[in-house]
């Protein structure tokens, strides 16, 4: 898996990790399942409650994430004041890393390298922010099953399952704290209801006082660090000469950026990232010049998976296409093969 990680990091992709939940002893003891039809307005209200809860609550907690055989944990501090959100996430396993976010401004501190990476990006779908956006059209592509109640991290939680209406996306099982609606546990499910990934708080304190001023001071203190700012230029696929001729129900283009290459040792040019989302799952298409030295070894291994995150590579003439997303491989294939060069 090391080449996969290297490629994902090189492309700047953000992989949403999860936990592979044990099949034995992990099933919910639910005697009766209530199904709410997709057109029922209560689904939209439920989705909006989740969307608002993750962005309006102050909390401190520890959560555990796993994808495949990889298990990791992090400590998170989150605070809101009006429209301003701030959070700090410290990795508790693996290499030391602290990530600060102030709305869409992100600073990642790597103390072993004495490097800070400063970026502007949206927190698309990052746990516990399940929703990419407040969009009632999600109900057209998922139905909702109410499974009951359970305790997670000592908190009474409601359990629901989002069932996809087609094979283009995975399903989800979601635990939300009863009073606030904050997501405390999330599973990604395959077509056979098997758990591909899980992310869950092992400990969570809602309403815990978090000092925004202190977080901001820590975020802005880069003394002794080399600050790196990857140059991302907003653009459009049409402007860059690309057209997505296929259609994937529910997935809409969200953003398109060009990552400028400042490394003179790399001759593959700039990388274009085109992001699509159905409001829950997201897919990124990375487009760059084909580089035989870097890409030839991957031609024979063009599909990878880690938990619910899949990656597919595809050569299109002089271009190298990489599709990454929390969707089935067949969905990535539609995205990768649906690209057309217009100029």
C-alpha atoms as a PDB file:
ATOM      1  CA  UNK A   1       0.000   0.000   0.000  1.00  0.00           C
ATOM      2  CA  UNK A   2       2.938   2.368   0.328  1.00  0.00           C
ATOM      3  CA  UNK A   3       2.850   3.426  -3.365  1.00  0.00           C
ATOM      4  CA  UNK A   4      -0.841   4.242  -2.923  1.00  0.00           C
ATOM      5  CA  UNK A   5      -0.184   6.470   0.058  1.00  0.00           C
ATOM      6  CA  UNK A   6       2.666   8.191  -1.778  1.00  0.00           C
ATOM      7  CA  UNK A   7       0.488   8.908  -4.794  1.00  0.00           C
ATOM      8  CA  UNK A   8      -2.405  10.169  -2.710  1.00  0.00           C
ATOM      9  CA  UNK A   9      -0.133  12.497  -0.776  1.00  0.00           C
ATOM     10  CA  UNK A  10       1.573  13.655  -3.942  1.00  0.00           C
ATOM     11  CA  UNK A  11      -1.769  14.551  -5.488  1.00  0.00           C
ATOM     12  CA  UNK A  12      -2.954  16.250  -2.327  1.00  0.00           C
ATOM     13  CA  UNK A  13      -5.964  13.947  -1.987  1.00  0.00           C
ATOM     14  CA  UNK A  14      -7.637  13.761   1.386  1.00  0.00           C
ATOM     15  CA  UNK A  15      -8.563  10.177   2.199  1.00  0.00           C
ATOM     16  CA  UNK A  16     -11.406   9.840   4.666  1.00  0.00           C
ATOM     17  CA  UNK A  17     -10.342   7.041   6.991  1.00  0.00           C
ATOM     18  CA  UNK A  18     -12.743   4.679   8.751  1.00  0.00           C
ATOM     19  CA  UNK A  19     -12.723   1.612  10.975  1.00  0.00           C
ATOM     20  CA  UNK A  20     -13.289  -1.955   9.709  1.00  0.00           C
ATOM     21  CA  UNK A  21     -15.884  -3.117  12.223  1.00  0.00           C
ATOM     22  CA  UNK A  22     -15.961  -6.769  13.330  1.00  0.00           C
ATOM     23  CA  UNK A  23     -18.794  -8.675  11.745  1.00  0.00           C
ATOM     24  CA  UNK A  24     -19.245 -10.937  14.776  1.00  0.00           C
ATOM     25  CA  UNK A  25     -20.839  -9.230  17.735  1.00  0.00           C
ATOM     26  CA  UNK A  26     -21.215  -5.951  15.878  1.00  0.00           C
ATOM     27  CA  UNK A  27     -24.684  -6.269  14.452  1.00  0.00           C
ATOM     28  CA  UNK A  28     -27.395  -4.051  15.899  1.00  0.00           C
ATOM     29  CA  UNK A  29     -30.062  -5.912  17.900  1.00  0.00           C
ATOM     30  CA  UNK A  30     -32.964  -4.206  16.158  1.00  0.00           C
ATOM     31  CA  UNK A  31     -36.276  -6.090  16.277  1.00  0.00           C
ATOM     32  CA  UNK A  32     -38.115  -3.739  13.937  1.00  0.00           C
ATOM     33  CA  UNK A  33     -36.958  -1.411  11.176  1.00  0.00           C
ATOM     34  CA  UNK A  34     -38.904   1.688  10.230  1.00  0.00           C
ATOM     35  CA  UNK A  35     -38.390   2.784   6.628  1.00  0.00           C
ATOM     36  CA  UNK A  36     -38.950   6.405   5.631  1.00  0.00           C
ATOM     37  CA  UNK A  37     -39.468   6.988   1.932  1.00  0.00           C
ATOM     38  CA  UNK A  38     -36.965   9.241   0.198  1.00  0.00           C
ATOM     39  CA  UNK A  39     -39.601  11.816  -0.696  1.00  0.00           C
ATOM     40  CA  UNK A  40     -40.583  12.231   2.958  1.00  0.00           C
ATOM     41  CA  UNK A  41     -39.615  15.751   4.096  1.00  0.00           C
ATOM     42  CA  UNK A  42     -38.381  14.369   7.447  1.00  0.00           C
ATOM     43  CA  UNK A  43     -35.282  13.051   5.700  1.00  0.00           C
ATOM     44  CA  UNK A  44     -34.334  16.555   4.681  1.00  0.00           C
ATOM     45  CA  UNK A  45     -34.945  17.794   8.217  1.00  0.00           C
ATOM     46  CA  UNK A  46     -32.760  15.003   9.613  1.00  0.00           C
ATOM     47  CA  UNK A  47     -29.963  15.799   7.172  1.00  0.00           C
ATOM     48  CA  UNK A  48     -30.157  19.508   7.964  1.00  0.00           C
ATOM     49  CA  UNK A  49     -29.959  18.744  11.686  1.00  0.00           C
ATOM     50  CA  UNK A  50     -26.729  16.810  11.136  1.00  0.00           C
ATOM     51  CA  UNK A  51     -25.345  19.538   8.929  1.00  0.00           C
ATOM     52  CA  UNK A  52     -26.050  22.236  11.498  1.00  0.00           C
ATOM     53  CA  UNK A  53     -24.932  20.213  14.529  1.00  0.00           C
ATOM     54  CA  UNK A  54     -21.396  19.615  13.278  1.00  0.00           C
ATOM     55  CA  UNK A  55     -20.953  23.308  12.561  1.00  0.00           C
ATOM     56  CA  UNK A  56     -22.564  24.879  15.617  1.00  0.00           C
ATOM     57  CA  UNK A  57     -21.443  22.761  18.572  1.00  0.00           C
ATOM     58  CA  UNK A  58     -18.400  23.034  20.794  1.00  0.00           C
ATOM     59  CA  UNK A  59     -16.831  19.734  21.818  1.00  0.00           C
ATOM     60  CA  UNK A  60     -13.648  17.921  22.772  1.00  0.00           C
ATOM     61  CA  UNK A  61     -13.096  14.255  22.063  1.00  0.00           C
ATOM     62  CA  UNK A  62     -10.969  11.351  20.924  1.00  0.00           C
ATOM     63  CA  UNK A  63     -11.960   9.402  17.857  1.00  0.00           C
ATOM     64  CA  UNK A  64     -10.638   6.224  16.309  1.00  0.00           C
ATOM     65  CA  UNK A  65     -10.504   5.611  12.568  1.00  0.00           C
ATOM     66  CA  UNK A  66      -9.467   2.593  10.540  1.00  0.00           C
ATOM     67  CA  UNK A  67      -9.265   1.662   6.881  1.00  0.00           C
ATOM     68  CA  UNK A  68      -8.327  -1.903   6.064  1.00  0.00           C
ATOM     69  CA  UNK A  69      -5.710  -2.997   8.584  1.00  0.00           C
ATOM     70  CA  UNK A  70      -4.733   0.558   9.498  1.00  0.00           C
ATOM     71  CA  UNK A  71      -5.988   1.863  12.837  1.00  0.00           C
ATOM     72  CA  UNK A  72      -5.335   5.364  14.126  1.00  0.00           C
ATOM     73  CA  UNK A  73      -6.709   7.783  16.685  1.00  0.00           C
ATOM     74  CA  UNK A  74      -6.827  11.544  17.047  1.00  0.00           C
ATOM     75  CA  UNK A  75      -7.786  14.189  19.592  1.00  0.00           C
ATOM     76  CA  UNK A  76     -10.100  16.960  18.414  1.00  0.00           C
ATOM     77  CA  UNK A  77     -11.065  20.363  19.823  1.00  0.00           C
ATOM     78  CA  UNK A  78     -13.901  22.170  18.023  1.00  0.00           C
ATOM     79  CA  UNK A  79     -15.426  25.577  18.750  1.00  0.00           C
ATOM     80  CA  UNK A  80     -17.884  27.918  17.005  1.00  0.00           C
ATOM     81  CA  UNK A  81     -18.575  31.615  17.429  1.00  0.00           C
ATOM     82  CA  UNK A  82     -21.179  32.854  14.978  1.00  0.00           C
ATOM     83  CA  UNK A  83     -20.011  32.005  11.461  1.00  0.00           C
ATOM     84  CA  UNK A  84     -16.448  31.321  12.611  1.00  0.00           C
ATOM     85  CA  UNK A  85     -15.408  27.719  13.215  1.00  0.00           C
ATOM     86  CA  UNK A  86     -12.080  26.591  14.569  1.00  0.00           C
ATOM     87  CA  UNK A  87     -10.719  23.181  15.351  1.00  0.00           C
ATOM     88  CA  UNK A  88      -7.516  21.432  16.247  1.00  0.00           C
ATOM     89  CA  UNK A  89      -6.861  17.774  15.460  1.00  0.00           C
ATOM     90  CA  UNK A  90      -3.790  16.057  16.933  1.00  0.00           C
ATOM     91  CA  UNK A  91      -2.734  12.659  15.621  1.00  0.00           C
ATOM     92  CA  UNK A  92      -2.210  10.257  18.519  1.00  0.00           C
ATOM     93  CA  UNK A  93      -0.734   7.468  16.403  1.00  0.00           C
ATOM     94  CA  UNK A  94       1.891   7.472  13.678  1.00  0.00           C
ATOM     95  CA  UNK A  95       3.972  10.532  12.903  1.00  0.00           C
ATOM     96  CA  UNK A  96       3.259  13.581  15.069  1.00  0.00           C
ATOM     97  CA  UNK A  97       0.893  15.960  13.312  1.00  0.00           C
ATOM     98  CA  UNK A  98      -1.369  18.817  14.404  1.00  0.00           C
ATOM     99  CA  UNK A  99      -3.939  20.252  12.022  1.00  0.00           C
ATOM    100  CA  UNK A 100      -5.685  23.560  12.695  1.00  0.00           C
ATOM    101  CA  UNK A 101      -8.674  24.793  10.723  1.00  0.00           C
ATOM    102  CA  UNK A 102     -10.226  28.256  10.761  1.00  0.00           C
ATOM    103  CA  UNK A 103     -13.212  27.982   8.428  1.00  0.00           C
ATOM    104  CA  UNK A 104     -11.525  27.065   5.122  1.00  0.00           C
ATOM    105  CA  UNK A 105      -7.978  27.965   6.189  1.00  0.00           C
ATOM    106  CA  UNK A 106      -5.968  24.871   7.160  1.00  0.00           C
ATOM    107  CA  UNK A 107      -2.521  24.729   8.784  1.00  0.00           C
ATOM    108  CA  UNK A 108      -0.845  21.334   9.215  1.00  0.00           C
ATOM    109  CA  UNK A 109       2.161  21.249  11.572  1.00  0.00           C
ATOM    110  CA  UNK A 110       4.704  18.455  11.010  1.00  0.00           C
ATOM    111  CA  UNK A 111       7.086  18.849  13.989  1.00  0.00           C
ATOM    112  CA  UNK A 112       9.511  16.102  12.946  1.00  0.00           C
ATOM    113  CA  UNK A 113      10.182  17.960   9.695  1.00  0.00           C
ATOM    114  CA  UNK A 114       9.683  21.429  11.204  1.00  0.00           C
ATOM    115  CA  UNK A 115       7.301  22.180   8.353  1.00  0.00           C
ATOM    116  CA  UNK A 116       3.885  23.821   8.269  1.00  0.00           C
ATOM    117  CA  UNK A 117       1.655  23.309   5.238  1.00  0.00           C
ATOM    118  CA  UNK A 118      -0.763  26.201   4.771  1.00  0.00           C
ATOM    119  CA  UNK A 119      -3.763  25.589   2.517  1.00  0.00           C
ATOM    120  CA  UNK A 120      -7.245  26.828   1.774  1.00  0.00           C
ATOM    121  CA  UNK A 121      -9.720  24.010   1.458  1.00  0.00           C
ATOM    122  CA  UNK A 122     -13.221  22.953   2.406  1.00  0.00           C
ATOM    123  CA  UNK A 123     -13.705  20.241   5.036  1.00  0.00           C
ATOM    124  CA  UNK A 124     -15.653  18.032   2.650  1.00  0.00           C
ATOM    125  CA  UNK A 125     -17.137  15.082   4.477  1.00  0.00           C
ATOM    126  CA  UNK A 126     -14.469  14.888   7.178  1.00  0.00           C
ATOM    127  CA  UNK A 127     -15.683  13.066  10.279  1.00  0.00           C
ATOM    128  CA  UNK A 128     -17.726  14.132  12.190  1.00  0.00           C
ATOM    129  CA  UNK A 129     -18.938  16.498   9.421  1.00  0.00           C
ATOM    130  CA  UNK A 130     -20.828  13.815   7.519  1.00  0.00           C
ATOM    131  CA  UNK A 131     -22.446  16.135   4.987  1.00  0.00           C
ATOM    132  CA  UNK A 132     -20.518  17.923   2.295  1.00  0.00           C
ATOM    133  CA  UNK A 133     -23.292  20.476   1.998  1.00  0.00           C
ATOM    134  CA  UNK A 134     -26.853  21.079   3.152  1.00  0.00           C
ATOM    135  CA  UNK A 135     -28.650  19.610   0.153  1.00  0.00           C
ATOM    136  CA  UNK A 136     -32.120  18.087   0.282  1.00  0.00           C
ATOM    137  CA  UNK A 137     -31.492  16.342  -3.065  1.00  0.00           C
ATOM    138  CA  UNK A 138     -29.551  13.701  -1.111  1.00  0.00           C
ATOM    139  CA  UNK A 139     -32.953  12.155  -0.364  1.00  0.00           C
ATOM    140  CA  UNK A 140     -33.316  11.323  -4.072  1.00  0.00           C
ATOM    141  CA  UNK A 141     -30.379   8.929  -3.883  1.00  0.00           C
ATOM    142  CA  UNK A 142     -30.650   7.468  -0.368  1.00  0.00           C
ATOM    143  CA  UNK A 143     -33.562   6.129   1.654  1.00  0.00           C
ATOM    144  CA  UNK A 144     -33.586   6.294   5.429  1.00  0.00           C
ATOM    145  CA  UNK A 145     -34.113   3.462   7.911  1.00  0.00           C
ATOM    146  CA  UNK A 146     -34.512   4.224  11.594  1.00  0.00           C
ATOM    147  CA  UNK A 147     -32.746   1.457  13.534  1.00  0.00           C
ATOM    148  CA  UNK A 148     -33.239   2.502  17.139  1.00  0.00           C
ATOM    149  CA  UNK A 149     -30.986   3.744  19.922  1.00  0.00           C
ATOM    150  CA  UNK A 150     -27.579   2.815  21.320  1.00  0.00           C
ATOM    151  CA  UNK A 151     -24.922   4.317  23.564  1.00  0.00           C
ATOM    152  CA  UNK A 152     -21.673   5.527  22.007  1.00  0.00           C
ATOM    153  CA  UNK A 153     -18.871   6.985  24.139  1.00  0.00           C
ATOM    154  CA  UNK A 154     -21.335   7.038  27.031  1.00  0.00           C
ATOM    155  CA  UNK A 155     -23.867   9.132  25.076  1.00  0.00           C
ATOM    156  CA  UNK A 156     -27.407   8.116  24.157  1.00  0.00           C
ATOM    157  CA  UNK A 157     -27.538   8.024  20.369  1.00  0.00           C
ATOM    158  CA  UNK A 158     -30.076   7.497  17.635  1.00  0.00           C
ATOM    159  CA  UNK A 159     -29.106   5.040  14.891  1.00  0.00           C
ATOM    160  CA  UNK A 160     -30.180   5.346  11.268  1.00  0.00           C
ATOM    161  CA  UNK A 161     -29.090   3.770   8.029  1.00  0.00           C
ATOM    162  CA  UNK A 162     -28.822   5.584   4.711  1.00  0.00           C
ATOM    163  CA  UNK A 163     -29.519   3.053   1.971  1.00  0.00           C
ATOM    164  CA  UNK A 164     -28.405   3.942  -1.579  1.00  0.00           C
ATOM    165  CA  UNK A 165     -31.035   3.618  -4.282  1.00  0.00           C
ATOM    166  CA  UNK A 166     -28.469   2.320  -6.799  1.00  0.00           C
ATOM    167  CA  UNK A 167     -25.072   0.618  -6.993  1.00  0.00           C
ATOM    168  CA  UNK A 168     -23.186   3.857  -7.705  1.00  0.00           C
ATOM    169  CA  UNK A 169     -22.587   4.678  -4.033  1.00  0.00           C
ATOM    170  CA  UNK A 170     -22.102   3.040  -0.658  1.00  0.00           C
ATOM    171  CA  UNK A 171     -24.546   3.059   2.220  1.00  0.00           C
ATOM    172  CA  UNK A 172     -24.022   4.491   5.688  1.00  0.00           C
ATOM    173  CA  UNK A 173     -24.986   3.635   9.246  1.00  0.00           C
ATOM    174  CA  UNK A 174     -24.989   6.739  11.413  1.00  0.00           C
ATOM    175  CA  UNK A 175     -25.115   7.266  15.174  1.00  0.00           C
ATOM    176  CA  UNK A 176     -26.069  10.784  16.325  1.00  0.00           C
ATOM    177  CA  UNK A 177     -26.177  12.120  19.870  1.00  0.00           C
ATOM    178  CA  UNK A 178     -29.866  12.439  20.735  1.00  0.00           C
ATOM    179  CA  UNK A 179     -29.922  15.987  22.064  1.00  0.00           C
ATOM    180  CA  UNK A 180     -27.553  17.747  19.652  1.00  0.00           C
ATOM    181  CA  UNK A 181     -27.503  15.636  16.488  1.00  0.00           C
ATOM    182  CA  UNK A 182     -23.679  15.480  16.462  1.00  0.00           C
ATOM    183  CA  UNK A 183     -22.412  12.413  14.599  1.00  0.00           C
ATOM    184  CA  UNK A 184     -20.615  10.180  17.096  1.00  0.00           C
ATOM    185  CA  UNK A 185     -20.142   7.071  14.964  1.00  0.00           C
ATOM    186  CA  UNK A 186     -20.220   6.385  11.255  1.00  0.00           C
ATOM    187  CA  UNK A 187     -19.961   3.196   9.223  1.00  0.00           C
ATOM    188  CA  UNK A 188     -19.674   2.878   5.459  1.00  0.00           C
ATOM    189  CA  UNK A 189     -21.456  -0.195   4.086  1.00  0.00           C
ATOM    190  CA  UNK A 190     -21.016  -2.173   0.882  1.00  0.00           C
ATOM    191  CA  UNK A 191     -23.854  -3.658  -1.165  1.00  0.00           C
ATOM    192  CA  UNK A 192     -23.942  -6.768   1.044  1.00  0.00           C
ATOM    193  CA  UNK A 193     -24.243  -4.629   4.198  1.00  0.00           C
ATOM    194  CA  UNK A 194     -20.672  -5.417   5.166  1.00  0.00           C
ATOM    195  CA  UNK A 195     -18.811  -2.690   7.036  1.00  0.00           C
ATOM    196  CA  UNK A 196     -16.040  -1.217   4.881  1.00  0.00           C
ATOM    197  CA  UNK A 197     -15.012   1.563   7.266  1.00  0.00           C
ATOM    198  CA  UNK A 198     -15.869   2.957  10.648  1.00  0.00           C
ATOM    199  CA  UNK A 199     -15.069   6.149  12.498  1.00  0.00           C
ATOM    200  CA  UNK A 200     -16.214   6.643  16.086  1.00  0.00           C
ATOM    201  CA  UNK A 201     -15.603   8.757  19.139  1.00  0.00           C
ATOM    202  CA  UNK A 202     -14.247   6.700  22.010  1.00  0.00           C
ATOM    203  CA  UNK A 203     -14.721   9.699  24.312  1.00  0.00           C
ATOM    204  CA  UNK A 204     -16.629  12.922  23.672  1.00  0.00           C
ATOM    205  CA  UNK A 205     -17.508  15.940  25.832  1.00  0.00           C
ATOM    206  CA  UNK A 206     -20.173  18.149  24.292  1.00  0.00           C
ATOM    207  CA  UNK A 207     -20.279  21.780  25.357  1.00  0.00           C
ATOM    208  CA  UNK A 208     -16.752  21.578  26.741  1.00  0.00           C
ATOM    209  CA  UNK A 209     -15.226  25.086  26.911  1.00  0.00           C
ATOM    210  CA  UNK A 210     -12.712  25.557  24.089  1.00  0.00           C
ATOM    211  CA  UNK A 211     -10.729  28.789  23.913  1.00  0.00           C
ATOM    212  CA  UNK A 212     -10.866  30.082  20.341  1.00  0.00           C
ATOM    213  CA  UNK A 213      -8.281  32.786  21.043  1.00  0.00           C
ATOM    214  CA  UNK A 214      -5.811  30.180  22.293  1.00  0.00           C
ATOM    215  CA  UNK A 215      -6.429  27.938  19.292  1.00  0.00           C
ATOM    216  CA  UNK A 216      -5.887  30.877  16.947  1.00  0.00           C
ATOM    217  CA  UNK A 217      -2.624  31.792  18.682  1.00  0.00           C
ATOM    218  CA  UNK A 218      -1.336  28.232  18.340  1.00  0.00           C
ATOM    219  CA  UNK A 219      -2.397  28.119  14.701  1.00  0.00           C
ATOM    220  CA  UNK A 220      -0.664  31.389  13.851  1.00  0.00           C
ATOM    221  CA  UNK A 221       2.581  30.615  15.706  1.00  0.00           C
ATOM    222  CA  UNK A 222       4.878  29.240  13.008  1.00  0.00           C
ATOM    223  CA  UNK A 223       8.151  30.317  14.627  1.00  0.00           C
ATOM    224  CA  UNK A 224      10.865  27.738  13.939  1.00  0.00           C
ATOM    225  CA  UNK A 225       8.873  26.161  11.102  1.00  0.00           C
ATOM    226  CA  UNK A 226       9.233  26.415   7.357  1.00  0.00           C
ATOM    227  CA  UNK A 227       5.858  27.432   5.950  1.00  0.00           C
ATOM    228  CA  UNK A 228       4.935  25.796   2.667  1.00  0.00           C
ATOM    229  CA  UNK A 229       1.986  27.078   0.659  1.00  0.00           C
ATOM    230  CA  UNK A 230       1.004  24.767  -2.197  1.00  0.00           C
ATOM    231  CA  UNK A 231      -0.181  27.016  -4.975  1.00  0.00           C
ATOM    232  CA  UNK A 232      -3.763  26.176  -5.861  1.00  0.00           C
ATOM    233  CA  UNK A 233      -5.433  28.192  -8.584  1.00  0.00           C
ATOM    234  CA  UNK A 234      -9.208  28.155  -8.938  1.00  0.00           C
ATOM    235  CA  UNK A 235     -10.263  27.322 -12.456  1.00  0.00           C
ATOM    236  CA  UNK A 236     -12.911  25.416 -14.407  1.00  0.00           C
ATOM    237  CA  UNK A 237     -12.629  22.169 -16.313  1.00  0.00           C
ATOM    238  CA  UNK A 238     -13.889  23.877 -19.469  1.00  0.00           C
ATOM    239  CA  UNK A 239     -11.243  26.553 -19.160  1.00  0.00           C
ATOM    240  CA  UNK A 240      -8.586  23.844 -18.881  1.00  0.00           C
ATOM    241  CA  UNK A 241      -9.946  22.017 -21.913  1.00  0.00           C
ATOM    242  CA  UNK A 242     -11.864  19.164 -20.263  1.00  0.00           C
ATOM    243  CA  UNK A 243     -15.446  17.946 -20.513  1.00  0.00           C
ATOM    244  CA  UNK A 244     -17.182  15.258 -18.455  1.00  0.00           C
ATOM    245  CA  UNK A 245     -19.383  13.641 -21.069  1.00  0.00           C
ATOM    246  CA  UNK A 246     -20.854  10.952 -18.814  1.00  0.00           C
ATOM    247  CA  UNK A 247     -23.502  11.333 -16.135  1.00  0.00           C
ATOM    248  CA  UNK A 248     -23.426   9.902 -12.620  1.00  0.00           C
ATOM    249  CA  UNK A 249     -26.783  10.408 -10.931  1.00  0.00           C
ATOM    250  CA  UNK A 250     -26.589  12.770  -7.988  1.00  0.00           C
ATOM    251  CA  UNK A 251     -22.945  13.758  -8.372  1.00  0.00           C
ATOM    252  CA  UNK A 252     -22.406  17.429  -9.095  1.00  0.00           C
ATOM    253  CA  UNK A 253     -19.165  19.327  -9.764  1.00  0.00           C
ATOM    254  CA  UNK A 254     -18.121  21.097  -6.556  1.00  0.00           C
ATOM    255  CA  UNK A 255     -14.748  22.661  -7.294  1.00  0.00           C
ATOM    256  CA  UNK A 256     -11.875  22.659  -9.741  1.00  0.00           C
ATOM    257  CA  UNK A 257      -8.312  23.666  -8.878  1.00  0.00           C
ATOM    258  CA  UNK A 258      -4.969  23.594 -10.592  1.00  0.00           C
ATOM    259  CA  UNK A 259      -2.054  22.653  -8.348  1.00  0.00           C
ATOM    260  CA  UNK A 260       0.982  24.515  -9.613  1.00  0.00           C
ATOM    261  CA  UNK A 261       4.204  22.529  -9.607  1.00  0.00           C
ATOM    262  CA  UNK A 262       7.146  24.405  -8.099  1.00  0.00           C
ATOM    263  CA  UNK A 263       9.546  21.450  -7.979  1.00  0.00           C
ATOM    264  CA  UNK A 264      12.016  21.746 -10.872  1.00  0.00           C
ATOM    265  CA  UNK A 265      12.951  18.057 -10.544  1.00  0.00           C
ATOM    266  CA  UNK A 266       9.436  17.034 -11.615  1.00  0.00           C
ATOM    267  CA  UNK A 267       8.652  17.506 -15.279  1.00  0.00           C
ATOM    268  CA  UNK A 268       5.050  16.325 -15.431  1.00  0.00           C
ATOM    269  CA  UNK A 269       3.568  19.812 -15.254  1.00  0.00           C
ATOM    270  CA  UNK A 270       0.660  20.984 -13.154  1.00  0.00           C
ATOM    271  CA  UNK A 271      -2.100  18.780 -11.755  1.00  0.00           C
ATOM    272  CA  UNK A 272      -5.800  19.549 -12.185  1.00  0.00           C
ATOM    273  CA  UNK A 273      -8.215  18.391  -9.471  1.00  0.00           C
ATOM    274  CA  UNK A 274     -11.928  18.270 -10.296  1.00  0.00           C
ATOM    275  CA  UNK A 275     -14.187  17.403  -7.336  1.00  0.00           C
ATOM    276  CA  UNK A 276     -17.679  15.915  -7.570  1.00  0.00           C
ATOM    277  CA  UNK A 277     -20.079  15.076  -4.742  1.00  0.00           C
ATOM    278  CA  UNK A 278     -23.576  13.753  -4.121  1.00  0.00           C
ATOM    279  CA  UNK A 279     -23.630  15.510  -0.749  1.00  0.00           C
ATOM    280  CA  UNK A 280     -22.312  12.486   1.148  1.00  0.00           C
ATOM    281  CA  UNK A 281     -19.694  10.780  -1.017  1.00  0.00           C
ATOM    282  CA  UNK A 282     -17.089  12.646  -3.038  1.00  0.00           C
ATOM    283  CA  UNK A 283     -14.919  11.813  -6.047  1.00  0.00           C
ATOM    284  CA  UNK A 284     -11.781  13.645  -7.135  1.00  0.00           C
ATOM    285  CA  UNK A 285     -10.433  13.456 -10.667  1.00  0.00           C
ATOM    286  CA  UNK A 286      -6.732  14.302 -10.920  1.00  0.00           C
ATOM    287  CA  UNK A 287      -5.428  15.064 -14.408  1.00  0.00           C
ATOM    288  CA  UNK A 288      -1.739  15.459 -15.187  1.00  0.00           C
ATOM    289  CA  UNK A 289       0.732  14.804 -17.985  1.00  0.00           C
ATOM    290  CA  UNK A 290       1.740  11.168 -18.327  1.00  0.00           C
ATOM    291  CA  UNK A 291       5.230  10.629 -16.914  1.00  0.00           C
ATOM    292  CA  UNK A 292       6.652   7.238 -17.893  1.00  0.00           C
ATOM    293  CA  UNK A 293       9.162   7.241 -15.047  1.00  0.00           C
ATOM    294  CA  UNK A 294       6.446   7.720 -12.424  1.00  0.00           C
ATOM    295  CA  UNK A 295       3.385   6.132 -13.968  1.00  0.00           C
ATOM    296  CA  UNK A 296       4.497   3.109 -15.989  1.00  0.00           C
ATOM    297  CA  UNK A 297       4.748   0.842 -12.949  1.00  0.00           C
ATOM    298  CA  UNK A 298       1.130   1.600 -12.103  1.00  0.00           C
ATOM    299  CA  UNK A 299      -0.268   0.625 -15.495  1.00  0.00           C
ATOM    300  CA  UNK A 300      -0.331  -3.020 -14.415  1.00  0.00           C
ATOM    301  CA  UNK A 301      -1.932  -2.162 -11.058  1.00  0.00           C
ATOM    302  CA  UNK A 302      -4.609   0.361 -11.916  1.00  0.00           C
ATOM    303  CA  UNK A 303      -7.024  -0.280  -9.039  1.00  0.00           C
ATOM    304  CA  UNK A 304      -6.477   0.113  -5.303  1.00  0.00           C
ATOM    305  CA  UNK A 305      -8.757   0.078  -2.289  1.00  0.00           C
ATOM    306  CA  UNK A 306      -8.387   0.878   1.383  1.00  0.00           C
ATOM    307  CA  UNK A 307     -11.617   0.547   3.314  1.00  0.00           C
ATOM    308  CA  UNK A 308     -14.257   2.505   1.429  1.00  0.00           C
ATOM    309  CA  UNK A 309     -11.722   4.667  -0.391  1.00  0.00           C
ATOM    310  CA  UNK A 310     -11.010   3.390  -3.880  1.00  0.00           C
ATOM    311  CA  UNK A 311      -8.557   4.627  -6.480  1.00  0.00           C
ATOM    312  CA  UNK A 312      -8.431   3.946 -10.195  1.00  0.00           C
ATOM    313  CA  UNK A 313      -5.777   5.100 -12.661  1.00  0.00           C
ATOM    314  CA  UNK A 314      -6.212   5.402 -16.399  1.00  0.00           C
ATOM    315  CA  UNK A 315      -4.039   6.634 -19.257  1.00  0.00           C
ATOM    316  CA  UNK A 316      -5.746   8.868 -21.802  1.00  0.00           C
ATOM    317  CA  UNK A 317      -3.294   9.637 -24.597  1.00  0.00           C
ATOM    318  CA  UNK A 318      -0.639  11.985 -23.157  1.00  0.00           C
ATOM    319  CA  UNK A 319      -2.644  12.384 -19.943  1.00  0.00           C
ATOM    320  CA  UNK A 320      -2.680  10.416 -16.700  1.00  0.00           C
ATOM    321  CA  UNK A 321      -6.065  10.246 -14.956  1.00  0.00           C
ATOM    322  CA  UNK A 322      -6.460   9.284 -11.293  1.00  0.00           C
ATOM    323  CA  UNK A 323      -9.944   8.907  -9.799  1.00  0.00           C
ATOM    324  CA  UNK A 324     -10.189   8.725  -5.999  1.00  0.00           C
ATOM    325  CA  UNK A 325     -13.353   8.515  -3.934  1.00  0.00           C
ATOM    326  CA  UNK A 326     -15.465   6.782  -1.314  1.00  0.00           C
ATOM    327  CA  UNK A 327     -17.498   4.999  -3.983  1.00  0.00           C
ATOM    328  CA  UNK A 328     -17.474   1.576  -5.693  1.00  0.00           C
ATOM    329  CA  UNK A 329     -14.811   0.986  -8.315  1.00  0.00           C
ATOM    330  CA  UNK A 330     -17.421   0.844 -11.092  1.00  0.00           C
ATOM    331  CA  UNK A 331     -18.425   4.409 -10.239  1.00  0.00           C
ATOM    332  CA  UNK A 332     -14.829   5.583 -10.450  1.00  0.00           C
ATOM    333  CA  UNK A 333     -14.583   3.885 -13.852  1.00  0.00           C
ATOM    334  CA  UNK A 334     -17.474   5.999 -15.152  1.00  0.00           C
ATOM    335  CA  UNK A 335     -15.734   9.155 -13.972  1.00  0.00           C
ATOM    336  CA  UNK A 336     -12.319   8.188 -15.336  1.00  0.00           C
ATOM    337  CA  UNK A 337     -13.625   7.055 -18.702  1.00  0.00           C
ATOM    338  CA  UNK A 338     -16.110   9.918 -19.030  1.00  0.00           C
ATOM    339  CA  UNK A 339     -13.439  12.574 -19.467  1.00  0.00           C
ATOM    340  CA  UNK A 340     -12.994  14.082 -22.901  1.00  0.00           C
ATOM    341  CA  UNK A 341     -10.321  16.498 -24.075  1.00  0.00           C
ATOM    342  CA  UNK A 342     -11.807  19.503 -25.883  1.00  0.00           C
ATOM    343  CA  UNK A 343      -8.664  21.384 -26.842  1.00  0.00           C
END
